[in-house]
Amino acid sequence: MQLPRGGRTVFPRYRLFGYSGAPGSAAFGRLGTGDLDARVREIESKGKAYAAGRQVMPVLELIAVVVDSKPGADGDYNRQVSDATIRTYLAAARRHRALLLLDVQPGRDDFLTLARQLEPWLRQPDVGLALDPEWAVEKGQVPGQTYGRTTGAELDGVAAYLDGLVRRRALPQKVLVFHQVAAKVVQHQERIRARDGVVVIKSVDGIGNRSEKTTTWTTLVKGLPASIHPGFKLFYDEDTRHGPLMTPQQVLGLRPTPEYVLIE
């Protein structure tokens, strides 16, 4: 088995470029509204500007576990989208030889438990995982009222699980993204180990103008371990309220150069 556009390893052959979202709401991101195939064609078109000597791998980052303001029957403050929804997005990804990343907003649940629940999808060669620790709260806390956080050890546990899945099923490398908006959201990232079967990417989030986003970037990539690849997130609507959206040249001018660029 290979990756959608060839090979079994992600870097340095590819630069990932994609949109995030979930169906039914523009608030979830660019991938949540409009014709899905049209959105993926847009990803392919806009992604060319980010190639910079690499092949571009289109990415659909579907919010598959959505945080909720209500506890739900299990008290975990999250809900998983339907299998039919995931199937629809995976089919679209495959029509365009793209990667599908399943994004997890855990609420009071833990990342590894939720990843295991998604295993039927993660067994596929073109499906990876993205984690949103700012929505990871503890017992007695409510997402949205308390800023969530995680640890490098917890993220490494998910990476170890994915690596085992890759080895057992002879899969190509899995992509594991974790989003980070502030330093306190992920503690002790140095505990994330390098594994042959998994590419771990830190996606630096943060809304603002170019100066503000660059400051956040510089802060969060300082001392980035070799086991973690750099990624950068643009907010199509929110960022432009603070100034022009950063251009591909400005994004590629960041150091280290982002290897995954995501637009919400």
C-alpha atoms as a PDB file:
ATOM      1  CA  MET A   1       0.000   0.000   0.000  1.00  0.00           C
ATOM      2  CA  GLN A   2       1.091   3.547  -0.743  1.00  0.00           C
ATOM      3  CA  LEU A   3       0.097   7.097   0.047  1.00  0.00           C
ATOM      4  CA  PRO A   4      -2.534   8.576  -2.303  1.00  0.00           C
ATOM      5  CA  ARG A   5       0.060  10.220  -4.537  1.00  0.00           C
ATOM      6  CA  GLY A   6       2.742   7.576  -4.257  1.00  0.00           C
ATOM      7  CA  GLY A   7       5.401   6.428  -1.824  1.00  0.00           C
ATOM      8  CA  ARG A   8       5.092   5.214   1.736  1.00  0.00           C
ATOM      9  CA  THR A   9       6.678   8.147   3.585  1.00  0.00           C
ATOM     10  CA  VAL A  10       5.384  11.713   3.791  1.00  0.00           C
ATOM     11  CA  PHE A  11       8.469  13.928   4.155  1.00  0.00           C
ATOM     12  CA  PRO A  12      10.498  15.320   2.497  1.00  0.00           C
ATOM     13  CA  ARG A  13       8.653  14.368  -0.699  1.00  0.00           C
ATOM     14  CA  TYR A  14       5.429  16.222   0.102  1.00  0.00           C
ATOM     15  CA  ARG A  15       4.179  19.485   1.535  1.00  0.00           C
ATOM     16  CA  LEU A  16       0.681  19.091   2.946  1.00  0.00           C
ATOM     17  CA  PHE A  17      -1.947  21.723   2.180  1.00  0.00           C
ATOM     18  CA  GLY A  18      -5.587  21.546   3.125  1.00  0.00           C
ATOM     19  CA  TYR A  19      -8.821  22.875   4.539  1.00  0.00           C
ATOM     20  CA  SER A  20     -10.548  21.986   7.779  1.00  0.00           C
ATOM     21  CA  GLY A  21     -14.231  21.862   8.655  1.00  0.00           C
ATOM     22  CA  ALA A  22     -17.330  19.772   9.157  1.00  0.00           C
ATOM     23  CA  PRO A  23     -20.590  19.694   7.231  1.00  0.00           C
ATOM     24  CA  GLY A  24     -23.352  22.154   7.919  1.00  0.00           C
ATOM     25  CA  SER A  25     -21.563  25.154   9.386  1.00  0.00           C
ATOM     26  CA  ALA A  26     -19.222  27.780   7.984  1.00  0.00           C
ATOM     27  CA  ALA A  27     -18.015  28.323  11.555  1.00  0.00           C
ATOM     28  CA  PHE A  28     -16.248  24.965  11.367  1.00  0.00           C
ATOM     29  CA  GLY A  29     -14.089  26.085   8.451  1.00  0.00           C
ATOM     30  CA  ARG A  30     -13.791  26.125   4.673  1.00  0.00           C
ATOM     31  CA  LEU A  31     -14.489  22.431   4.365  1.00  0.00           C
ATOM     32  CA  GLY A  32     -17.900  22.712   6.006  1.00  0.00           C
ATOM     33  CA  THR A  33     -19.902  24.471   3.301  1.00  0.00           C
ATOM     34  CA  GLY A  34     -20.400  24.292  -0.448  1.00  0.00           C
ATOM     35  CA  ASP A  35     -19.865  21.445  -2.849  1.00  0.00           C
ATOM     36  CA  LEU A  36     -17.233  19.117  -1.398  1.00  0.00           C
ATOM     37  CA  ASP A  37     -15.561  18.278  -4.698  1.00  0.00           C
ATOM     38  CA  ALA A  38     -15.386  21.982  -5.553  1.00  0.00           C
ATOM     39  CA  ARG A  39     -13.671  22.609  -2.230  1.00  0.00           C
ATOM     40  CA  VAL A  40     -11.100  19.885  -2.897  1.00  0.00           C
ATOM     41  CA  ARG A  41     -10.425  21.280  -6.374  1.00  0.00           C
ATOM     42  CA  GLU A  42      -9.854  24.624  -4.648  1.00  0.00           C
ATOM     43  CA  ILE A  43      -7.370  22.955  -2.311  1.00  0.00           C
ATOM     44  CA  GLU A  44      -5.531  21.476  -5.284  1.00  0.00           C
ATOM     45  CA  SER A  45      -5.459  24.835  -7.088  1.00  0.00           C
ATOM     46  CA  LYS A  46      -4.362  26.976  -4.128  1.00  0.00           C
ATOM     47  CA  GLY A  47      -1.924  24.356  -2.928  1.00  0.00           C
ATOM     48  CA  LYS A  48       0.305  24.830  -5.976  1.00  0.00           C
ATOM     49  CA  ALA A  49       1.556  28.123  -4.523  1.00  0.00           C
ATOM     50  CA  TYR A  50       2.927  26.234  -1.506  1.00  0.00           C
ATOM     51  CA  ALA A  51       4.918  23.605  -3.376  1.00  0.00           C
ATOM     52  CA  ALA A  52       8.340  25.298  -3.080  1.00  0.00           C
ATOM     53  CA  GLY A  53      10.210  22.373  -4.574  1.00  0.00           C
ATOM     54  CA  ARG A  54       7.984  19.649  -3.152  1.00  0.00           C
ATOM     55  CA  GLN A  55       4.920  17.800  -4.375  1.00  0.00           C
ATOM     56  CA  VAL A  56       1.711  19.026  -2.769  1.00  0.00           C
ATOM     57  CA  MET A  57      -0.460  16.510  -0.941  1.00  0.00           C
ATOM     58  CA  PRO A  58      -4.064  17.780  -0.607  1.00  0.00           C
ATOM     59  CA  VAL A  59      -5.576  17.313   2.858  1.00  0.00           C
ATOM     60  CA  LEU A  60      -9.179  17.249   4.047  1.00  0.00           C
ATOM     61  CA  GLU A  61      -9.202  17.763   7.817  1.00  0.00           C
ATOM     62  CA  LEU A  62     -12.663  16.705   8.915  1.00  0.00           C
ATOM     63  CA  ILE A  63     -13.753  17.534  12.469  1.00  0.00           C
ATOM     64  CA  ALA A  64     -14.891  14.004  13.276  1.00  0.00           C
ATOM     65  CA  VAL A  65     -15.291  14.358  17.057  1.00  0.00           C
ATOM     66  CA  VAL A  66     -16.955  17.681  17.829  1.00  0.00           C
ATOM     67  CA  VAL A  67     -16.830  19.292  21.263  1.00  0.00           C
ATOM     68  CA  ASP A  68     -20.227  20.205  22.706  1.00  0.00           C
ATOM     69  CA  SER A  69     -21.418  22.676  25.312  1.00  0.00           C
ATOM     70  CA  LYS A  70     -23.636  19.981  26.841  1.00  0.00           C
ATOM     71  CA  PRO A  71     -22.333  16.819  28.542  1.00  0.00           C
ATOM     72  CA  GLY A  72     -24.401  14.316  26.572  1.00  0.00           C
ATOM     73  CA  ALA A  73     -25.418  10.882  27.841  1.00  0.00           C
ATOM     74  CA  ASP A  74     -21.838   9.844  28.632  1.00  0.00           C
ATOM     75  CA  GLY A  75     -20.858  13.174  30.204  1.00  0.00           C
ATOM     76  CA  ASP A  76     -17.882  13.662  27.880  1.00  0.00           C
ATOM     77  CA  TYR A  77     -19.003  16.876  26.145  1.00  0.00           C
ATOM     78  CA  ASN A  78     -18.318  15.535  22.669  1.00  0.00           C
ATOM     79  CA  ARG A  79     -20.095  13.815  19.819  1.00  0.00           C
ATOM     80  CA  GLN A  80     -18.783  11.889  16.847  1.00  0.00           C
ATOM     81  CA  VAL A  81     -20.066  12.634  13.371  1.00  0.00           C
ATOM     82  CA  SER A  82     -21.806   9.763  11.624  1.00  0.00           C
ATOM     83  CA  ASP A  83     -19.981   7.016   9.779  1.00  0.00           C
ATOM     84  CA  ALA A  84     -21.876   8.164   6.699  1.00  0.00           C
ATOM     85  CA  THR A  85     -20.268  11.606   6.983  1.00  0.00           C
ATOM     86  CA  ILE A  86     -16.774  10.169   7.337  1.00  0.00           C
ATOM     87  CA  ARG A  87     -17.460   7.860   4.411  1.00  0.00           C
ATOM     88  CA  THR A  88     -18.539  10.828   2.271  1.00  0.00           C
ATOM     89  CA  TYR A  89     -15.361  12.790   3.045  1.00  0.00           C
ATOM     90  CA  LEU A  90     -13.135   9.765   2.494  1.00  0.00           C
ATOM     91  CA  ALA A  91     -14.755   9.137  -0.874  1.00  0.00           C
ATOM     92  CA  ALA A  92     -14.114  12.765  -1.849  1.00  0.00           C
ATOM     93  CA  ALA A  93     -10.499  12.496  -0.708  1.00  0.00           C
ATOM     94  CA  ARG A  94     -10.020   9.401  -2.812  1.00  0.00           C
ATOM     95  CA  ARG A  95     -11.539  10.990  -5.891  1.00  0.00           C
ATOM     96  CA  HIS A  96      -8.746  13.578  -5.669  1.00  0.00           C
ATOM     97  CA  ARG A  97      -5.945  11.341  -4.327  1.00  0.00           C
ATOM     98  CA  ALA A  98      -5.887  13.315  -1.080  1.00  0.00           C
ATOM     99  CA  LEU A  99      -5.359  12.519   2.591  1.00  0.00           C
ATOM    100  CA  LEU A 100      -8.234  12.545   5.066  1.00  0.00           C
ATOM    101  CA  LEU A 101      -7.375  13.619   8.620  1.00  0.00           C
ATOM    102  CA  LEU A 102      -9.950  12.978  11.346  1.00  0.00           C
ATOM    103  CA  ASP A 103      -9.846  15.876  13.783  1.00  0.00           C
ATOM    104  CA  VAL A 104     -10.684  15.160  17.445  1.00  0.00           C
ATOM    105  CA  GLN A 105     -12.036  17.714  19.930  1.00  0.00           C
ATOM    106  CA  PRO A 106     -12.163  15.505  23.052  1.00  0.00           C
ATOM    107  CA  GLY A 107     -14.009  17.448  25.743  1.00  0.00           C
ATOM    108  CA  ARG A 108     -13.601  15.354  28.914  1.00  0.00           C
ATOM    109  CA  ASP A 109     -12.615  12.214  27.018  1.00  0.00           C
ATOM    110  CA  ASP A 110      -9.001  11.305  26.287  1.00  0.00           C
ATOM    111  CA  PHE A 111      -7.340  11.258  22.899  1.00  0.00           C
ATOM    112  CA  LEU A 112      -6.255   7.624  22.890  1.00  0.00           C
ATOM    113  CA  THR A 113      -9.744   6.327  23.697  1.00  0.00           C
ATOM    114  CA  LEU A 114     -11.231   8.387  20.880  1.00  0.00           C
ATOM    115  CA  ALA A 115      -8.489   7.350  18.458  1.00  0.00           C
ATOM    116  CA  ARG A 116      -9.245   3.701  19.166  1.00  0.00           C
ATOM    117  CA  GLN A 117     -12.915   4.330  18.440  1.00  0.00           C
ATOM    118  CA  LEU A 118     -11.874   5.668  15.030  1.00  0.00           C
ATOM    119  CA  GLU A 119      -9.674   2.650  14.280  1.00  0.00           C
ATOM    120  CA  PRO A 120     -11.909   1.206  11.528  1.00  0.00           C
ATOM    121  CA  TRP A 121     -11.109   4.377   9.573  1.00  0.00           C
ATOM    122  CA  LEU A 122      -7.477   4.651  10.681  1.00  0.00           C
ATOM    123  CA  ARG A 123      -6.836   1.192   9.238  1.00  0.00           C
ATOM    124  CA  GLN A 124      -7.182   2.818   5.829  1.00  0.00           C
ATOM    125  CA  PRO A 125      -3.897   3.852   4.148  1.00  0.00           C
ATOM    126  CA  ASP A 126      -5.093   7.392   3.392  1.00  0.00           C
ATOM    127  CA  VAL A 127      -6.570   8.352   6.781  1.00  0.00           C
ATOM    128  CA  GLY A 128      -4.676  10.110   9.581  1.00  0.00           C
ATOM    129  CA  LEU A 129      -5.486  11.938  12.798  1.00  0.00           C
ATOM    130  CA  ALA A 130      -5.527  15.533  14.078  1.00  0.00           C
ATOM    131  CA  LEU A 131      -5.901  16.474  17.744  1.00  0.00           C
ATOM    132  CA  ASP A 132      -7.256  19.692  19.294  1.00  0.00           C
ATOM    133  CA  PRO A 133      -5.919  19.893  22.870  1.00  0.00           C
ATOM    134  CA  GLU A 134      -7.396  23.322  23.573  1.00  0.00           C
ATOM    135  CA  TRP A 135     -10.692  21.406  23.869  1.00  0.00           C
ATOM    136  CA  ALA A 136      -9.263  18.736  26.193  1.00  0.00           C
ATOM    137  CA  VAL A 137     -10.647  19.478  29.668  1.00  0.00           C
ATOM    138  CA  GLU A 138     -10.648  17.553  32.925  1.00  0.00           C
ATOM    139  CA  LYS A 139     -13.425  16.208  35.113  1.00  0.00           C
ATOM    140  CA  GLY A 140     -15.466  19.089  36.508  1.00  0.00           C
ATOM    141  CA  GLN A 141     -14.441  21.436  33.689  1.00  0.00           C
ATOM    142  CA  VAL A 142     -16.547  22.523  30.719  1.00  0.00           C
ATOM    143  CA  PRO A 143     -15.000  23.069  27.260  1.00  0.00           C
ATOM    144  CA  GLY A 144     -15.304  26.667  26.177  1.00  0.00           C
ATOM    145  CA  GLN A 145     -15.279  27.815  29.795  1.00  0.00           C
ATOM    146  CA  THR A 146     -11.863  26.338  30.581  1.00  0.00           C
ATOM    147  CA  TYR A 147      -8.886  26.365  28.239  1.00  0.00           C
ATOM    148  CA  GLY A 148      -7.918  22.761  27.578  1.00  0.00           C
ATOM    149  CA  ARG A 149      -4.458  21.260  27.536  1.00  0.00           C
ATOM    150  CA  THR A 150      -2.519  18.050  27.067  1.00  0.00           C
ATOM    151  CA  THR A 151       0.973  16.674  27.535  1.00  0.00           C
ATOM    152  CA  GLY A 152       3.659  15.329  25.272  1.00  0.00           C
ATOM    153  CA  ALA A 153       3.276  11.987  27.019  1.00  0.00           C
ATOM    154  CA  GLU A 154      -0.419  11.773  26.067  1.00  0.00           C
ATOM    155  CA  LEU A 155       0.321  12.731  22.461  1.00  0.00           C
ATOM    156  CA  ASP A 156       3.161  10.211  22.358  1.00  0.00           C
ATOM    157  CA  GLY A 157       0.734   7.522  23.487  1.00  0.00           C
ATOM    158  CA  VAL A 158      -1.437   8.249  20.457  1.00  0.00           C
ATOM    159  CA  ALA A 159       1.636   8.224  18.202  1.00  0.00           C
ATOM    160  CA  ALA A 160       2.678   4.850  19.619  1.00  0.00           C
ATOM    161  CA  TYR A 161      -0.797   3.459  18.972  1.00  0.00           C
ATOM    162  CA  LEU A 162      -0.737   4.670  15.344  1.00  0.00           C
ATOM    163  CA  ASP A 163       2.775   3.317  14.837  1.00  0.00           C
ATOM    164  CA  GLY A 164       1.617  -0.088  16.048  1.00  0.00           C
ATOM    165  CA  LEU A 165      -1.324   0.038  13.661  1.00  0.00           C
ATOM    166  CA  VAL A 166       1.019   0.852  10.766  1.00  0.00           C
ATOM    167  CA  ARG A 167       3.358  -2.030  11.602  1.00  0.00           C
ATOM    168  CA  ARG A 168       0.610  -4.615  12.125  1.00  0.00           C
ATOM    169  CA  ARG A 169      -1.197  -3.769   8.896  1.00  0.00           C
ATOM    170  CA  ALA A 170       1.826  -2.802   6.730  1.00  0.00           C
ATOM    171  CA  LEU A 171       0.385   0.689   6.139  1.00  0.00           C
ATOM    172  CA  PRO A 172       2.198   3.739   4.774  1.00  0.00           C
ATOM    173  CA  GLN A 173       3.171   6.407   7.305  1.00  0.00           C
ATOM    174  CA  LYS A 174       0.345   7.933   9.316  1.00  0.00           C
ATOM    175  CA  VAL A 175       0.048  11.694   9.764  1.00  0.00           C
ATOM    176  CA  LEU A 176      -0.629  12.811  13.345  1.00  0.00           C
ATOM    177  CA  VAL A 177      -1.274  16.543  13.758  1.00  0.00           C
ATOM    178  CA  PHE A 178      -1.713  18.378  17.030  1.00  0.00           C
ATOM    179  CA  HIS A 179      -2.980  21.953  16.999  1.00  0.00           C
ATOM    180  CA  GLN A 180      -1.468  24.453  19.405  1.00  0.00           C
ATOM    181  CA  VAL A 181      -2.578  28.041  19.955  1.00  0.00           C
ATOM    182  CA  ALA A 182      -0.577  28.883  23.095  1.00  0.00           C
ATOM    183  CA  ALA A 183       2.410  27.485  24.974  1.00  0.00           C
ATOM    184  CA  LYS A 184       0.356  26.221  27.924  1.00  0.00           C
ATOM    185  CA  VAL A 185      -1.850  24.043  25.695  1.00  0.00           C
ATOM    186  CA  VAL A 186       0.878  21.399  25.210  1.00  0.00           C
ATOM    187  CA  GLN A 187       3.341  20.715  27.990  1.00  0.00           C
ATOM    188  CA  HIS A 188       6.585  18.710  27.655  1.00  0.00           C
ATOM    189  CA  GLN A 189       6.386  18.189  23.895  1.00  0.00           C
ATOM    190  CA  GLU A 190       9.919  16.787  24.049  1.00  0.00           C
ATOM    191  CA  ARG A 191       8.357  13.509  25.233  1.00  0.00           C
ATOM    192  CA  ILE A 192       7.000  12.879  21.746  1.00  0.00           C
ATOM    193  CA  ARG A 193       9.336  10.297  20.238  1.00  0.00           C
ATOM    194  CA  ALA A 194      10.234   9.786  16.580  1.00  0.00           C
ATOM    195  CA  ARG A 195       8.660   6.648  15.124  1.00  0.00           C
ATOM    196  CA  ASP A 196       9.070   5.227  11.632  1.00  0.00           C
ATOM    197  CA  GLY A 197       5.350   4.708  11.123  1.00  0.00           C
ATOM    198  CA  VAL A 198       4.141   8.167  12.157  1.00  0.00           C
ATOM    199  CA  VAL A 199       4.805  11.747  11.074  1.00  0.00           C
ATOM    200  CA  VAL A 200       3.967  14.100  13.961  1.00  0.00           C
ATOM    201  CA  ILE A 201       3.147  17.700  13.018  1.00  0.00           C
ATOM    202  CA  LYS A 202       2.578  20.665  15.304  1.00  0.00           C
ATOM    203  CA  SER A 203       0.078  23.013  13.633  1.00  0.00           C
ATOM    204  CA  VAL A 204       0.626  26.492  15.061  1.00  0.00           C
ATOM    205  CA  ASP A 205      -2.742  28.206  15.377  1.00  0.00           C
ATOM    206  CA  GLY A 206      -3.597  31.705  16.529  1.00  0.00           C
ATOM    207  CA  ILE A 207      -5.747  34.407  14.965  1.00  0.00           C
ATOM    208  CA  GLY A 208      -4.354  37.798  14.039  1.00  0.00           C
ATOM    209  CA  ASN A 209      -2.458  39.904  11.545  1.00  0.00           C
ATOM    210  CA  ARG A 210       0.846  38.860  10.025  1.00  0.00           C
ATOM    211  CA  SER A 211       2.901  40.322  12.877  1.00  0.00           C
ATOM    212  CA  GLU A 212       0.787  38.669  15.562  1.00  0.00           C
ATOM    213  CA  LYS A 213       0.778  35.310  13.825  1.00  0.00           C
ATOM    214  CA  THR A 214       4.522  35.461  13.246  1.00  0.00           C
ATOM    215  CA  THR A 215       5.078  36.210  16.932  1.00  0.00           C
ATOM    216  CA  THR A 216       2.943  33.203  17.907  1.00  0.00           C
ATOM    217  CA  TRP A 217       4.856  31.075  15.410  1.00  0.00           C
ATOM    218  CA  THR A 218       8.263  32.133  16.741  1.00  0.00           C
ATOM    219  CA  THR A 219       7.183  31.407  20.295  1.00  0.00           C
ATOM    220  CA  LEU A 220       5.732  27.972  19.609  1.00  0.00           C
ATOM    221  CA  VAL A 221       8.421  26.593  17.280  1.00  0.00           C
ATOM    222  CA  LYS A 222      11.313  27.665  19.478  1.00  0.00           C
ATOM    223  CA  GLY A 223      13.171  24.544  20.501  1.00  0.00           C
ATOM    224  CA  LEU A 224      10.976  22.313  18.349  1.00  0.00           C
ATOM    225  CA  PRO A 225      12.230  18.717  18.789  1.00  0.00           C
ATOM    226  CA  ALA A 226      13.451  16.883  15.701  1.00  0.00           C
ATOM    227  CA  SER A 227      10.605  14.387  16.215  1.00  0.00           C
ATOM    228  CA  ILE A 228       8.003  17.086  15.416  1.00  0.00           C
ATOM    229  CA  HIS A 229       7.443  18.724  12.015  1.00  0.00           C
ATOM    230  CA  PRO A 230       6.213  22.335  11.742  1.00  0.00           C
ATOM    231  CA  GLY A 231       2.741  23.232  10.488  1.00  0.00           C
ATOM    232  CA  PHE A 232       0.901  26.560  10.211  1.00  0.00           C
ATOM    233  CA  LYS A 233      -2.785  27.442  10.251  1.00  0.00           C
ATOM    234  CA  LEU A 234      -4.517  30.347   8.524  1.00  0.00           C
ATOM    235  CA  PHE A 235      -8.036  31.474   9.407  1.00  0.00           C
ATOM    236  CA  TYR A 236      -9.709  32.586   6.202  1.00  0.00           C
ATOM    237  CA  ASP A 237     -12.276  34.861   7.860  1.00  0.00           C
ATOM    238  CA  GLU A 238     -10.885  35.662  11.314  1.00  0.00           C
ATOM    239  CA  ASP A 239      -7.357  36.559  10.202  1.00  0.00           C
ATOM    240  CA  THR A 240      -8.650  38.959   7.545  1.00  0.00           C
ATOM    241  CA  ARG A 241     -10.479  40.967  10.205  1.00  0.00           C
ATOM    242  CA  HIS A 242      -7.042  41.944  11.496  1.00  0.00           C
ATOM    243  CA  GLY A 243      -5.352  42.565   8.146  1.00  0.00           C
ATOM    244  CA  PRO A 244      -4.648  40.879   4.818  1.00  0.00           C
ATOM    245  CA  LEU A 245      -4.402  37.097   4.886  1.00  0.00           C
ATOM    246  CA  MET A 246      -0.767  36.036   4.803  1.00  0.00           C
ATOM    247  CA  THR A 247       0.378  35.153   1.303  1.00  0.00           C
ATOM    248  CA  PRO A 248       1.954  31.815   0.380  1.00  0.00           C
ATOM    249  CA  GLN A 249       5.315  33.581   0.074  1.00  0.00           C
ATOM    250  CA  GLN A 250       4.987  35.000   3.583  1.00  0.00           C
ATOM    251  CA  VAL A 251       3.978  31.626   5.007  1.00  0.00           C
ATOM    252  CA  LEU A 252       6.853  29.851   3.252  1.00  0.00           C
ATOM    253  CA  GLY A 253       9.172  32.575   4.528  1.00  0.00           C
ATOM    254  CA  LEU A 254       8.617  31.461   8.122  1.00  0.00           C
ATOM    255  CA  ARG A 255      11.490  29.584   9.738  1.00  0.00           C
ATOM    256  CA  PRO A 256      11.427  26.671   9.999  1.00  0.00           C
ATOM    257  CA  THR A 257       9.391  26.376   6.806  1.00  0.00           C
ATOM    258  CA  PRO A 258       5.935  24.893   7.485  1.00  0.00           C
ATOM    259  CA  GLU A 259       5.494  21.431   6.062  1.00  0.00           C
ATOM    260  CA  TYR A 260       1.729  21.479   6.555  1.00  0.00           C
ATOM    261  CA  VAL A 261      -0.386  24.556   5.791  1.00  0.00           C
ATOM    262  CA  LEU A 262      -4.034  24.442   6.842  1.00  0.00           C
ATOM    263  CA  ILE A 263      -6.808  26.939   6.168  1.00  0.00           C
ATOM    264  CA  GLU A 264      -9.905  27.049   8.348  1.00  0.00           C
END
